[in-house]
C-alpha atoms as a PDB file:
ATOM      1  CA  MET A   1      -0.083   0.159   0.008  1.00  0.00           C
ATOM      2  CA  THR A   2       0.915   3.804  -0.712  1.00  0.00           C
ATOM      3  CA  ARG A   3      -0.388   6.329   0.612  1.00  0.00           C
ATOM      4  CA  VAL A   4      -1.259   9.168  -1.834  1.00  0.00           C
ATOM      5  CA  ALA A   5      -2.846  12.498  -2.076  1.00  0.00           C
ATOM      6  CA  ALA A   6      -4.388  13.360  -5.274  1.00  0.00           C
ATOM      7  CA  ILE A   7      -5.689  17.012  -5.748  1.00  0.00           C
ATOM      8  CA  ASP A   8      -8.244  17.885  -9.019  1.00  0.00           C
ATOM      9  CA  CYS A   9      -8.475  21.601  -9.474  1.00  0.00           C
ATOM     10  CA  GLY A  10     -11.002  22.674 -12.145  1.00  0.00           C
ATOM     11  CA  THR A  11     -13.198  25.227 -13.217  1.00  0.00           C
ATOM     12  CA  ASN A  12     -15.599  25.441 -10.276  1.00  0.00           C
ATOM     13  CA  SER A  13     -14.450  22.899  -7.687  1.00  0.00           C
ATOM     14  CA  ILE A  14     -11.007  21.888  -6.115  1.00  0.00           C
ATOM     15  CA  ARG A  15     -11.118  18.593  -4.407  1.00  0.00           C
ATOM     16  CA  LEU A  16      -8.630  16.111  -2.398  1.00  0.00           C
ATOM     17  CA  LEU A  17      -8.274  12.491  -1.804  1.00  0.00           C
ATOM     18  CA  VAL A  18      -6.200  10.907   0.438  1.00  0.00           C
ATOM     19  CA  ALA A  19      -6.073   7.193   0.332  1.00  0.00           C
ATOM     20  CA  ASP A  20      -4.016   4.153   0.434  1.00  0.00           C
ATOM     21  CA  ALA A  21      -3.674   2.603  -2.838  1.00  0.00           C
ATOM     22  CA  ASP A  22      -2.812  -1.030  -3.891  1.00  0.00           C
ATOM     23  CA  PRO A  23      -2.076  -1.739  -7.354  1.00  0.00           C
ATOM     24  CA  VAL A  24      -2.168  -5.402  -6.974  1.00  0.00           C
ATOM     25  CA  THR A  25      -5.682  -5.604  -5.513  1.00  0.00           C
ATOM     26  CA  GLY A  26      -6.939  -2.569  -7.332  1.00  0.00           C
ATOM     27  CA  GLU A  27      -8.512  -1.331  -4.176  1.00  0.00           C
ATOM     28  CA  LEU A  28      -8.324   2.545  -2.322  1.00  0.00           C
ATOM     29  CA  VAL A  29      -8.794   2.653   1.072  1.00  0.00           C
ATOM     30  CA  GLU A  30     -10.062   6.179   1.400  1.00  0.00           C
ATOM     31  CA  PHE A  31      -8.970   8.474   4.492  1.00  0.00           C
ATOM     32  CA  ALA A  32     -10.075  12.071   3.455  1.00  0.00           C
ATOM     33  CA  ARG A  33     -12.116  13.249   0.336  1.00  0.00           C
ATOM     34  CA  ARG A  34     -12.454  16.752   0.507  1.00  0.00           C
ATOM     35  CA  MET A  35     -14.519  19.330  -2.189  1.00  0.00           C
ATOM     36  CA  GLU A  36     -14.856  23.102  -1.832  1.00  0.00           C
ATOM     37  CA  ILE A  37     -16.146  25.498  -4.894  1.00  0.00           C
ATOM     38  CA  VAL A  38     -14.003  28.044  -5.429  1.00  0.00           C
ATOM     39  CA  ARG A  39     -15.052  28.974  -9.083  1.00  0.00           C
ATOM     40  CA  LEU A  40     -11.596  29.592 -10.232  1.00  0.00           C
ATOM     41  CA  GLY A  41     -12.328  29.615 -13.704  1.00  0.00           C
ATOM     42  CA  GLN A  42     -14.825  33.230 -13.118  1.00  0.00           C
ATOM     43  CA  GLY A  43     -14.393  35.154 -15.729  1.00  0.00           C
ATOM     44  CA  VAL A  44     -11.787  33.001 -17.675  1.00  0.00           C
ATOM     45  CA  ASP A  45     -14.181  32.686 -21.030  1.00  0.00           C
ATOM     46  CA  ARG A  46     -14.431  36.609 -21.146  1.00  0.00           C
ATOM     47  CA  THR A  47     -11.065  37.809 -19.769  1.00  0.00           C
ATOM     48  CA  GLY A  48      -8.754  35.105 -20.598  1.00  0.00           C
ATOM     49  CA  ARG A  49      -7.157  35.493 -17.362  1.00  0.00           C
ATOM     50  CA  LEU A  50      -7.777  34.157 -13.642  1.00  0.00           C
ATOM     51  CA  ALA A  51      -9.115  36.698 -11.545  1.00  0.00           C
ATOM     52  CA  PRO A  52      -7.346  37.620  -8.444  1.00  0.00           C
ATOM     53  CA  GLU A  53     -10.250  36.653  -5.981  1.00  0.00           C
ATOM     54  CA  ALA A  54     -10.860  33.503  -7.603  1.00  0.00           C
ATOM     55  CA  LEU A  55      -6.756  32.539  -6.757  1.00  0.00           C
ATOM     56  CA  GLU A  56      -7.002  33.486  -3.740  1.00  0.00           C
ATOM     57  CA  ARG A  57     -10.094  31.312  -3.266  1.00  0.00           C
ATOM     58  CA  THR A  58      -8.324  28.426  -4.433  1.00  0.00           C
ATOM     59  CA  PHE A  59      -5.153  28.974  -2.378  1.00  0.00           C
ATOM     60  CA  ALA A  60      -7.131  29.026   0.712  1.00  0.00           C
ATOM     61  CA  ALA A  61      -8.498  25.696  -0.065  1.00  0.00           C
ATOM     62  CA  CYS A  62      -5.005  24.509  -0.745  1.00  0.00           C
ATOM     63  CA  ARG A  63      -3.797  25.536   2.614  1.00  0.00           C
ATOM     64  CA  ASP A  64      -6.542  23.648   4.033  1.00  0.00           C
ATOM     65  CA  TYR A  65      -5.558  20.517   1.856  1.00  0.00           C
ATOM     66  CA  ALA A  66      -1.892  21.073   3.021  1.00  0.00           C
ATOM     67  CA  ALA A  67      -3.035  20.483   6.749  1.00  0.00           C
ATOM     68  CA  VAL A  68      -4.996  17.289   5.775  1.00  0.00           C
ATOM     69  CA  ILE A  69      -2.226  16.020   3.758  1.00  0.00           C
ATOM     70  CA  ALA A  70       0.176  16.462   6.502  1.00  0.00           C
ATOM     71  CA  GLU A  71      -2.613  14.863   9.001  1.00  0.00           C
ATOM     72  CA  HIS A  72      -2.436  11.851   7.145  1.00  0.00           C
ATOM     73  CA  GLY A  73       0.790  11.537   6.074  1.00  0.00           C
ATOM     74  CA  ALA A  74       0.682  11.228   2.600  1.00  0.00           C
ATOM     75  CA  GLU A  75       4.079   9.680   0.660  1.00  0.00           C
ATOM     76  CA  LYS A  76       3.276  10.990  -2.890  1.00  0.00           C
ATOM     77  CA  VAL A  77       1.018  14.113  -3.823  1.00  0.00           C
ATOM     78  CA  ARG A  78      -0.073  15.011  -7.009  1.00  0.00           C
ATOM     79  CA  PHE A  79      -1.890  18.118  -7.933  1.00  0.00           C
ATOM     80  CA  VAL A  80      -3.498  18.070 -11.690  1.00  0.00           C
ATOM     81  CA  ALA A  81      -4.879  21.420 -12.977  1.00  0.00           C
ATOM     82  CA  THR A  82      -7.863  21.407 -15.846  1.00  0.00           C
ATOM     83  CA  SER A  83      -9.490  23.601 -17.984  1.00  0.00           C
ATOM     84  CA  ALA A  84      -9.243  27.139 -16.347  1.00  0.00           C
ATOM     85  CA  SER A  85      -5.983  27.215 -15.939  1.00  0.00           C
ATOM     86  CA  ARG A  86      -5.163  25.777 -19.205  1.00  0.00           C
ATOM     87  CA  ASP A  87      -6.850  28.390 -20.781  1.00  0.00           C
ATOM     88  CA  ALA A  88      -5.720  31.266 -18.672  1.00  0.00           C
ATOM     89  CA  GLU A  89      -2.728  33.997 -19.494  1.00  0.00           C
ATOM     90  CA  ASN A  90      -1.838  34.205 -16.099  1.00  0.00           C
ATOM     91  CA  ARG A  91      -1.342  30.391 -15.249  1.00  0.00           C
ATOM     92  CA  ASP A  92       2.629  31.099 -14.058  1.00  0.00           C
ATOM     93  CA  ASP A  93       0.410  32.965 -11.149  1.00  0.00           C
ATOM     94  CA  PHE A  94      -1.531  29.947  -9.951  1.00  0.00           C
ATOM     95  CA  VAL A  95       1.458  27.327 -10.617  1.00  0.00           C
ATOM     96  CA  ARG A  96       3.586  29.740  -8.452  1.00  0.00           C
ATOM     97  CA  GLY A  97       1.131  29.940  -5.397  1.00  0.00           C
ATOM     98  CA  VAL A  98       0.056  26.156  -5.571  1.00  0.00           C
ATOM     99  CA  ARG A  99       4.127  25.413  -5.472  1.00  0.00           C
ATOM    100  CA  ASP A 100       4.406  27.582  -2.591  1.00  0.00           C
ATOM    101  CA  ILE A 101       1.778  26.117  -0.216  1.00  0.00           C
ATOM    102  CA  LEU A 102       1.945  22.504  -1.290  1.00  0.00           C
ATOM    103  CA  GLY A 103       5.478  21.912  -2.497  1.00  0.00           C
ATOM    104  CA  VAL A 104       4.702  20.449  -5.374  1.00  0.00           C
ATOM    105  CA  GLU A 105       4.465  21.695  -8.828  1.00  0.00           C
ATOM    106  CA  PRO A 106       0.584  21.699 -10.247  1.00  0.00           C
ATOM    107  CA  GLU A 107       0.291  19.929 -13.587  1.00  0.00           C
ATOM    108  CA  VAL A 108      -1.681  21.794 -16.148  1.00  0.00           C
ATOM    109  CA  ILE A 109      -2.795  18.771 -18.002  1.00  0.00           C
ATOM    110  CA  SER A 110      -4.302  18.163 -21.704  1.00  0.00           C
ATOM    111  CA  GLY A 111      -7.747  17.408 -22.044  1.00  0.00           C
ATOM    112  CA  ASP A 112      -6.878  14.062 -23.466  1.00  0.00           C
ATOM    113  CA  GLN A 113      -4.918  13.250 -20.177  1.00  0.00           C
ATOM    114  CA  GLU A 114      -7.866  14.458 -17.980  1.00  0.00           C
ATOM    115  CA  ALA A 115     -10.028  12.068 -19.981  1.00  0.00           C
ATOM    116  CA  ALA A 116      -8.067   8.952 -19.391  1.00  0.00           C
ATOM    117  CA  PHE A 117      -7.436   9.721 -15.890  1.00  0.00           C
ATOM    118  CA  SER A 118     -11.386  10.399 -15.562  1.00  0.00           C
ATOM    119  CA  PHE A 119     -12.046   6.591 -17.453  1.00  0.00           C
ATOM    120  CA  ASP A 120      -9.509   5.060 -15.085  1.00  0.00           C
ATOM    121  CA  GLY A 121     -11.353   6.548 -12.173  1.00  0.00           C
ATOM    122  CA  ALA A 122     -14.507   5.606 -13.569  1.00  0.00           C
ATOM    123  CA  THR A 123     -14.449   2.139 -14.736  1.00  0.00           C
ATOM    124  CA  LYS A 124     -11.703   0.415 -12.724  1.00  0.00           C
ATOM    125  CA  GLU A 125     -14.460  -0.824 -10.059  1.00  0.00           C
ATOM    126  CA  LEU A 126     -17.062  -1.748 -13.178  1.00  0.00           C
ATOM    127  CA  THR A 127     -14.932  -4.688 -14.111  1.00  0.00           C
ATOM    128  CA  GLY A 128     -16.861  -8.118 -13.857  1.00  0.00           C
ATOM    129  CA  ARG A 129     -19.906  -6.366 -13.689  1.00  0.00           C
ATOM    130  CA  ASP A 130     -22.482  -8.596 -15.676  1.00  0.00           C
ATOM    131  CA  ASP A 131     -25.222  -5.904 -15.649  1.00  0.00           C
ATOM    132  CA  LEU A 132     -23.006  -2.961 -17.656  1.00  0.00           C
ATOM    133  CA  ALA A 133     -22.048  -3.997 -21.049  1.00  0.00           C
ATOM    134  CA  LYS A 134     -18.676  -2.902 -22.665  1.00  0.00           C
ATOM    135  CA  PRO A 135     -17.706  -0.789 -24.451  1.00  0.00           C
ATOM    136  CA  TYR A 136     -18.263   2.084 -21.530  1.00  0.00           C
ATOM    137  CA  LEU A 137     -18.666   6.095 -22.771  1.00  0.00           C
ATOM    138  CA  VAL A 138     -17.183   7.829 -19.984  1.00  0.00           C
ATOM    139  CA  VAL A 139     -18.593  11.646 -19.606  1.00  0.00           C
ATOM    140  CA  ASP A 140     -17.287  13.827 -17.226  1.00  0.00           C
ATOM    141  CA  ILE A 141     -19.271  17.463 -17.062  1.00  0.00           C
ATOM    142  CA  GLY A 142     -16.844  20.189 -15.851  1.00  0.00           C
ATOM    143  CA  GLY A 143     -16.943  23.662 -15.328  1.00  0.00           C
ATOM    144  CA  GLY A 144     -14.921  24.752 -18.444  1.00  0.00           C
ATOM    145  CA  SER A 145     -14.876  21.454 -20.274  1.00  0.00           C
ATOM    146  CA  THR A 146     -16.472  18.084 -20.821  1.00  0.00           C
ATOM    147  CA  GLU A 147     -14.514  15.023 -21.914  1.00  0.00           C
ATOM    148  CA  PHE A 148     -16.043  12.059 -23.779  1.00  0.00           C
ATOM    149  CA  VAL A 149     -14.052   8.953 -23.618  1.00  0.00           C
ATOM    150  CA  VAL A 150     -14.937   5.236 -25.004  1.00  0.00           C
ATOM    151  CA  GLY A 151     -13.144   2.112 -23.548  1.00  0.00           C
ATOM    152  CA  ASP A 152     -13.307  -1.147 -22.176  1.00  0.00           C
ATOM    153  CA  ASP A 153     -10.483  -2.242 -20.396  1.00  0.00           C
ATOM    154  CA  ARG A 154      -8.724   0.670 -21.803  1.00  0.00           C
ATOM    155  CA  VAL A 155      -9.078   4.041 -23.605  1.00  0.00           C
ATOM    156  CA  ARG A 156     -10.154   3.675 -27.006  1.00  0.00           C
ATOM    157  CA  ALA A 157     -10.551   7.126 -27.928  1.00  0.00           C
ATOM    158  CA  ALA A 158     -10.694  10.264 -26.032  1.00  0.00           C
ATOM    159  CA  ARG A 159     -11.817  13.896 -26.648  1.00  0.00           C
ATOM    160  CA  SER A 160     -11.982  17.315 -24.293  1.00  0.00           C
ATOM    161  CA  VAL A 161     -14.564  20.068 -25.881  1.00  0.00           C
ATOM    162  CA  ASP A 162     -15.121  23.190 -24.444  1.00  0.00           C
ATOM    163  CA  ILE A 163     -18.562  23.104 -22.906  1.00  0.00           C
ATOM    164  CA  GLY A 164     -18.772  23.393 -19.352  1.00  0.00           C
ATOM    165  CA  CYS A 165     -21.770  24.382 -16.705  1.00  0.00           C
ATOM    166  CA  VAL A 166     -19.349  27.493 -15.687  1.00  0.00           C
ATOM    167  CA  ARG A 167     -18.473  28.086 -19.250  1.00  0.00           C
ATOM    168  CA  MET A 168     -21.928  27.869 -20.744  1.00  0.00           C
ATOM    169  CA  THR A 169     -23.565  29.982 -17.712  1.00  0.00           C
ATOM    170  CA  GLU A 170     -21.331  32.768 -18.152  1.00  0.00           C
ATOM    171  CA  ARG A 171     -21.261  33.189 -22.083  1.00  0.00           C
ATOM    172  CA  HIS A 172     -25.178  32.890 -22.345  1.00  0.00           C
ATOM    173  CA  LEU A 173     -26.842  33.411 -18.901  1.00  0.00           C
ATOM    174  CA  VAL A 174     -25.055  36.366 -17.375  1.00  0.00           C
ATOM    175  CA  ARG A 175     -26.111  40.035 -18.111  1.00  0.00           C
ATOM    176  CA  ASP A 176     -24.352  43.074 -16.570  1.00  0.00           C
ATOM    177  CA  GLY A 177     -23.006  40.433 -14.164  1.00  0.00           C
ATOM    178  CA  VAL A 178     -25.552  39.003 -13.052  1.00  0.00           C
ATOM    179  CA  VAL A 179     -27.110  35.470 -13.651  1.00  0.00           C
ATOM    180  CA  SER A 180     -30.713  35.580 -15.388  1.00  0.00           C
ATOM    181  CA  ASP A 181     -33.298  34.521 -13.153  1.00  0.00           C
ATOM    182  CA  PRO A 182     -34.493  32.042 -13.886  1.00  0.00           C
ATOM    183  CA  PRO A 183     -32.536  31.216 -16.860  1.00  0.00           C
ATOM    184  CA  SER A 184     -33.791  32.946 -20.091  1.00  0.00           C
ATOM    185  CA  PRO A 185     -35.377  30.826 -22.995  1.00  0.00           C
ATOM    186  CA  GLY A 186     -32.819  33.091 -25.317  1.00  0.00           C
ATOM    187  CA  GLY A 187     -29.645  31.740 -23.269  1.00  0.00           C
ATOM    188  CA  ALA A 188     -30.937  28.249 -23.044  1.00  0.00           C
ATOM    189  CA  GLU A 189     -31.321  27.898 -26.999  1.00  0.00           C
ATOM    190  CA  ALA A 190     -27.784  29.477 -27.069  1.00  0.00           C
ATOM    191  CA  ILE A 191     -26.413  26.953 -24.793  1.00  0.00           C
ATOM    192  CA  ARG A 192     -27.990  23.890 -26.788  1.00  0.00           C
ATOM    193  CA  ALA A 193     -26.419  25.272 -30.096  1.00  0.00           C
ATOM    194  CA  ASP A 194     -22.961  25.421 -28.361  1.00  0.00           C
ATOM    195  CA  VAL A 195     -23.449  22.133 -26.839  1.00  0.00           C
ATOM    196  CA  ALA A 196     -24.825  20.673 -30.477  1.00  0.00           C
ATOM    197  CA  ALA A 197     -21.602  21.967 -32.110  1.00  0.00           C
ATOM    198  CA  ALA A 198     -19.098  20.664 -29.459  1.00  0.00           C
ATOM    199  CA  LEU A 199     -20.972  17.225 -29.900  1.00  0.00           C
ATOM    200  CA  ASP A 200     -20.217  17.431 -33.731  1.00  0.00           C
ATOM    201  CA  LEU A 201     -16.608  17.803 -32.432  1.00  0.00           C
ATOM    202  CA  ALA A 202     -16.640  15.084 -30.256  1.00  0.00           C
ATOM    203  CA  GLN A 203     -17.805  12.814 -32.569  1.00  0.00           C
ATOM    204  CA  GLU A 204     -14.763  13.137 -35.004  1.00  0.00           C
ATOM    205  CA  THR A 205     -12.953  11.390 -32.541  1.00  0.00           C
ATOM    206  CA  VAL A 206     -14.953   9.447 -30.453  1.00  0.00           C
ATOM    207  CA  PRO A 207     -17.402   6.998 -31.552  1.00  0.00           C
ATOM    208  CA  ILE A 208     -19.997   8.252 -29.032  1.00  0.00           C
ATOM    209  CA  THR A 209     -23.054   6.534 -30.265  1.00  0.00           C
ATOM    210  CA  SER A 210     -21.354   2.816 -30.352  1.00  0.00           C
ATOM    211  CA  ALA A 211     -20.988   2.645 -26.261  1.00  0.00           C
ATOM    212  CA  ALA A 212     -23.231   0.062 -24.670  1.00  0.00           C
ATOM    213  CA  THR A 213     -23.133   1.796 -21.085  1.00  0.00           C
ATOM    214  CA  LEU A 214     -23.045   5.938 -20.397  1.00  0.00           C
ATOM    215  CA  VAL A 215     -21.203   6.601 -17.235  1.00  0.00           C
ATOM    216  CA  GLY A 216     -21.476  10.110 -15.852  1.00  0.00           C
ATOM    217  CA  LEU A 217     -19.051  12.282 -13.644  1.00  0.00           C
ATOM    218  CA  ALA A 218     -18.646  15.055 -11.583  1.00  0.00           C
ATOM    219  CA  GLY A 219     -20.987  17.290  -9.933  1.00  0.00           C
ATOM    220  CA  THR A 220     -23.684  18.224 -12.477  1.00  0.00           C
ATOM    221  CA  VAL A 221     -24.738  14.761 -13.153  1.00  0.00           C
ATOM    222  CA  THR A 222     -24.048  13.670  -9.250  1.00  0.00           C
ATOM    223  CA  THR A 223     -26.784  16.455  -8.268  1.00  0.00           C
ATOM    224  CA  VAL A 224     -29.131  15.753 -11.129  1.00  0.00           C
ATOM    225  CA  ALA A 225     -29.135  12.129  -9.567  1.00  0.00           C
ATOM    226  CA  ALA A 226     -29.682  13.487  -6.033  1.00  0.00           C
ATOM    227  CA  ILE A 227     -32.538  15.646  -7.336  1.00  0.00           C
ATOM    228  CA  ALA A 228     -33.900  11.954  -9.129  1.00  0.00           C
ATOM    229  CA  LEU A 229     -33.448  10.032  -5.985  1.00  0.00           C
ATOM    230  CA  GLY A 230     -35.446  12.796  -4.000  1.00  0.00           C
ATOM    231  CA  LEU A 231     -32.527  13.315  -1.545  1.00  0.00           C
ATOM    232  CA  GLU A 232     -33.001  15.417   1.296  1.00  0.00           C
ATOM    233  CA  GLU A 233     -29.403  15.928   1.585  1.00  0.00           C
ATOM    234  CA  TYR A 234     -26.301  14.816  -0.147  1.00  0.00           C
ATOM    235  CA  ASP A 235     -25.429  11.196   0.217  1.00  0.00           C
ATOM    236  CA  SER A 236     -22.500  10.185  -1.884  1.00  0.00           C
ATOM    237  CA  ALA A 237     -23.426   6.267  -1.247  1.00  0.00           C
ATOM    238  CA  ALA A 238     -26.483   6.495  -2.211  1.00  0.00           C
ATOM    239  CA  ILE A 239     -25.879   8.396  -5.606  1.00  0.00           C
ATOM    240  CA  HIS A 240     -22.888   6.057  -6.496  1.00  0.00           C
ATOM    241  CA  HIS A 241     -23.985   3.734  -9.224  1.00  0.00           C
ATOM    242  CA  SER A 242     -27.213   5.026  -9.485  1.00  0.00           C
ATOM    243  CA  ARG A 243     -29.097   5.091 -12.732  1.00  0.00           C
ATOM    244  CA  VAL A 244     -30.838   8.044 -13.929  1.00  0.00           C
ATOM    245  CA  SER A 245     -33.468   7.531 -17.065  1.00  0.00           C
ATOM    246  CA  LEU A 246     -33.046  10.240 -19.850  1.00  0.00           C
ATOM    247  CA  GLU A 247     -36.856  10.907 -19.170  1.00  0.00           C
ATOM    248  CA  GLN A 248     -35.892  11.941 -15.629  1.00  0.00           C
ATOM    249  CA  VAL A 249     -32.902  13.948 -16.948  1.00  0.00           C
ATOM    250  CA  ARG A 250     -35.315  16.085 -19.339  1.00  0.00           C
ATOM    251  CA  GLU A 251     -37.991  16.377 -16.563  1.00  0.00           C
ATOM    252  CA  ILE A 252     -35.577  17.814 -14.342  1.00  0.00           C
ATOM    253  CA  THR A 253     -33.754  19.847 -16.544  1.00  0.00           C
ATOM    254  CA  ALA A 254     -37.015  21.561 -17.725  1.00  0.00           C
ATOM    255  CA  ARG A 255     -37.723  22.328 -13.905  1.00  0.00           C
ATOM    256  CA  LEU A 256     -34.268  23.830 -13.268  1.00  0.00           C
ATOM    257  CA  LEU A 257     -34.871  25.994 -16.136  1.00  0.00           C
ATOM    258  CA  ALA A 258     -38.049  27.221 -15.006  1.00  0.00           C
ATOM    259  CA  SER A 259     -36.817  27.872 -11.242  1.00  0.00           C
ATOM    260  CA  THR A 260     -35.301  30.975  -9.562  1.00  0.00           C
ATOM    261  CA  HIS A 261     -32.244  31.079  -7.811  1.00  0.00           C
ATOM    262  CA  ALA A 262     -34.004  30.880  -4.523  1.00  0.00           C
ATOM    263  CA  GLU A 263     -35.981  27.536  -5.725  1.00  0.00           C
ATOM    264  CA  ARG A 264     -32.663  25.975  -6.857  1.00  0.00           C
ATOM    265  CA  ALA A 265     -31.223  26.769  -3.614  1.00  0.00           C
ATOM    266  CA  ALA A 266     -33.944  25.413  -1.651  1.00  0.00           C
ATOM    267  CA  ILE A 267     -33.306  21.715  -3.201  1.00  0.00           C
ATOM    268  CA  GLY A 268     -32.064  19.769  -0.165  1.00  0.00           C
ATOM    269  CA  ALA A 269     -28.851  18.281  -1.860  1.00  0.00           C
ATOM    270  CA  MET A 270     -27.830  21.532  -3.929  1.00  0.00           C
ATOM    271  CA  HIS A 271     -24.427  22.767  -2.726  1.00  0.00           C
ATOM    272  CA  PRO A 272     -24.336  26.423  -3.031  1.00  0.00           C
ATOM    273  CA  GLY A 273     -22.148  26.966  -5.408  1.00  0.00           C
ATOM    274  CA  ARG A 274     -23.937  24.784  -7.951  1.00  0.00           C
ATOM    275  CA  VAL A 275     -26.933  26.752  -7.940  1.00  0.00           C
ATOM    276  CA  ASP A 276     -26.401  29.282 -10.471  1.00  0.00           C
ATOM    277  CA  VAL A 277     -24.386  26.777 -12.890  1.00  0.00           C
ATOM    278  CA  ILE A 278     -26.688  23.608 -12.472  1.00  0.00           C
ATOM    279  CA  ALA A 279     -28.825  24.358 -15.483  1.00  0.00           C
ATOM    280  CA  SER A 280     -26.470  24.727 -18.165  1.00  0.00           C
ATOM    281  CA  GLY A 281     -25.217  21.391 -16.596  1.00  0.00           C
ATOM    282  CA  ALA A 282     -28.266  19.470 -17.018  1.00  0.00           C
ATOM    283  CA  LEU A 283     -28.835  21.104 -20.635  1.00  0.00           C
ATOM    284  CA  ILE A 284     -25.195  19.190 -21.151  1.00  0.00           C
ATOM    285  CA  LEU A 285     -26.396  16.141 -19.767  1.00  0.00           C
ATOM    286  CA  GLN A 286     -29.226  16.082 -21.600  1.00  0.00           C
ATOM    287  CA  ALA A 287     -28.045  16.798 -24.984  1.00  0.00           C
ATOM    288  CA  VAL A 288     -25.461  14.260 -24.626  1.00  0.00           C
ATOM    289  CA  MET A 289     -27.678  11.442 -23.606  1.00  0.00           C
ATOM    290  CA  GLU A 290     -30.062  12.476 -26.566  1.00  0.00           C
ATOM    291  CA  ARG A 291     -26.966  12.641 -29.206  1.00  0.00           C
ATOM    292  CA  THR A 292     -25.940   9.264 -28.061  1.00  0.00           C
ATOM    293  CA  GLY A 293     -29.048   7.635 -27.485  1.00  0.00           C
ATOM    294  CA  ALA A 294     -28.665   6.331 -24.173  1.00  0.00           C
ATOM    295  CA  ARG A 295     -31.710   5.428 -22.075  1.00  0.00           C
ATOM    296  CA  GLU A 296     -29.966   6.034 -18.560  1.00  0.00           C
ATOM    297  CA  VAL A 297     -26.483   7.164 -17.206  1.00  0.00           C
ATOM    298  CA  VAL A 298     -25.014   5.195 -14.393  1.00  0.00           C
ATOM    299  CA  VAL A 299     -23.894   7.655 -12.086  1.00  0.00           C
ATOM    300  CA  SER A 300     -20.202   7.457 -10.552  1.00  0.00           C
ATOM    301  CA  GLU A 301     -18.881   9.522  -7.562  1.00  0.00           C
ATOM    302  CA  HIS A 302     -15.144   7.869  -8.626  1.00  0.00           C
ATOM    303  CA  ASP A 303     -13.651  10.010 -11.198  1.00  0.00           C
ATOM    304  CA  ILE A 304     -10.577  11.957 -12.211  1.00  0.00           C
ATOM    305  CA  LEU A 305      -9.958  12.238  -8.489  1.00  0.00           C
ATOM    306  CA  ASP A 306      -9.527   8.619  -8.315  1.00  0.00           C
ATOM    307  CA  GLY A 307      -7.665   8.208 -11.578  1.00  0.00           C
ATOM    308  CA  ILE A 308      -4.846  10.629 -10.646  1.00  0.00           C
ATOM    309  CA  ALA A 309      -4.589   8.532  -7.333  1.00  0.00           C
ATOM    310  CA  TRP A 310      -4.274   4.916  -9.080  1.00  0.00           C
ATOM    311  CA  SER A 311      -1.414   6.923 -11.359  1.00  0.00           C
ATOM    312  CA  LEU A 312       0.790   7.785  -8.101  1.00  0.00           C
ATOM    313  CA  ALA A 313       0.323   4.234  -7.070  1.00  0.00           C
END
């Protein structure tokens, strides 16, 4: 066993996993799993730069995570940064700040690397299940990008495209610095158009309609699952490997698009940091299911973070 610490810093959230990893048995023994909404990608789609306040929120979370890593005595640490930091002109400020706090160099990985980590994290524990046919299509809906990966025992094809719940919200649902409340019909249609174009790009590389099982990752998908399950509060164990039908996704998306900020915030399982971006994320999920022909999505709580941990083992 190797005690590892994996950090995934995306456009919307930063997450930590500390675990013992056994590469022989394929087992992760988890000690800590944390998540903070820091919205690192605030304004990046418009300005091309990481905002000072977004950097400070992220660095504050890093300080908290450094204490957790030290408490559990992790032997190896890997910090992976994704869409927002790929896109930013001032990403050197981000790299320097993380290095000063955690003592490791953050790796600003490519979309293809992100896809491979997501696939490993989501599918390693699905091996041998008779009720889930291969190949899998793993879809990781992030804040700034969405990854599509098709594979069976390994990745066969992958593509990252620039659609995510934060990017689509900021591009189409924000006017004069304020998110439309409820989301505007015109904004929703513009999101659908962007997602359709991105799916066209993904299909150039990834045979997204040929997979037998759709596996959905990240906060948009798990929050939609929590709503479908009628949870009063977020319950990771109940959400993990639950199945949500296309009909449920359509109904929940329509509900979110018709809801005000206060109504979305009142949903028991809703994280406060997702209230403004969940409708955009649900639109992406619905479009993916309709394009691929998937009648349901298998929801995984294990994703890129677990894949990063495995890479250390």
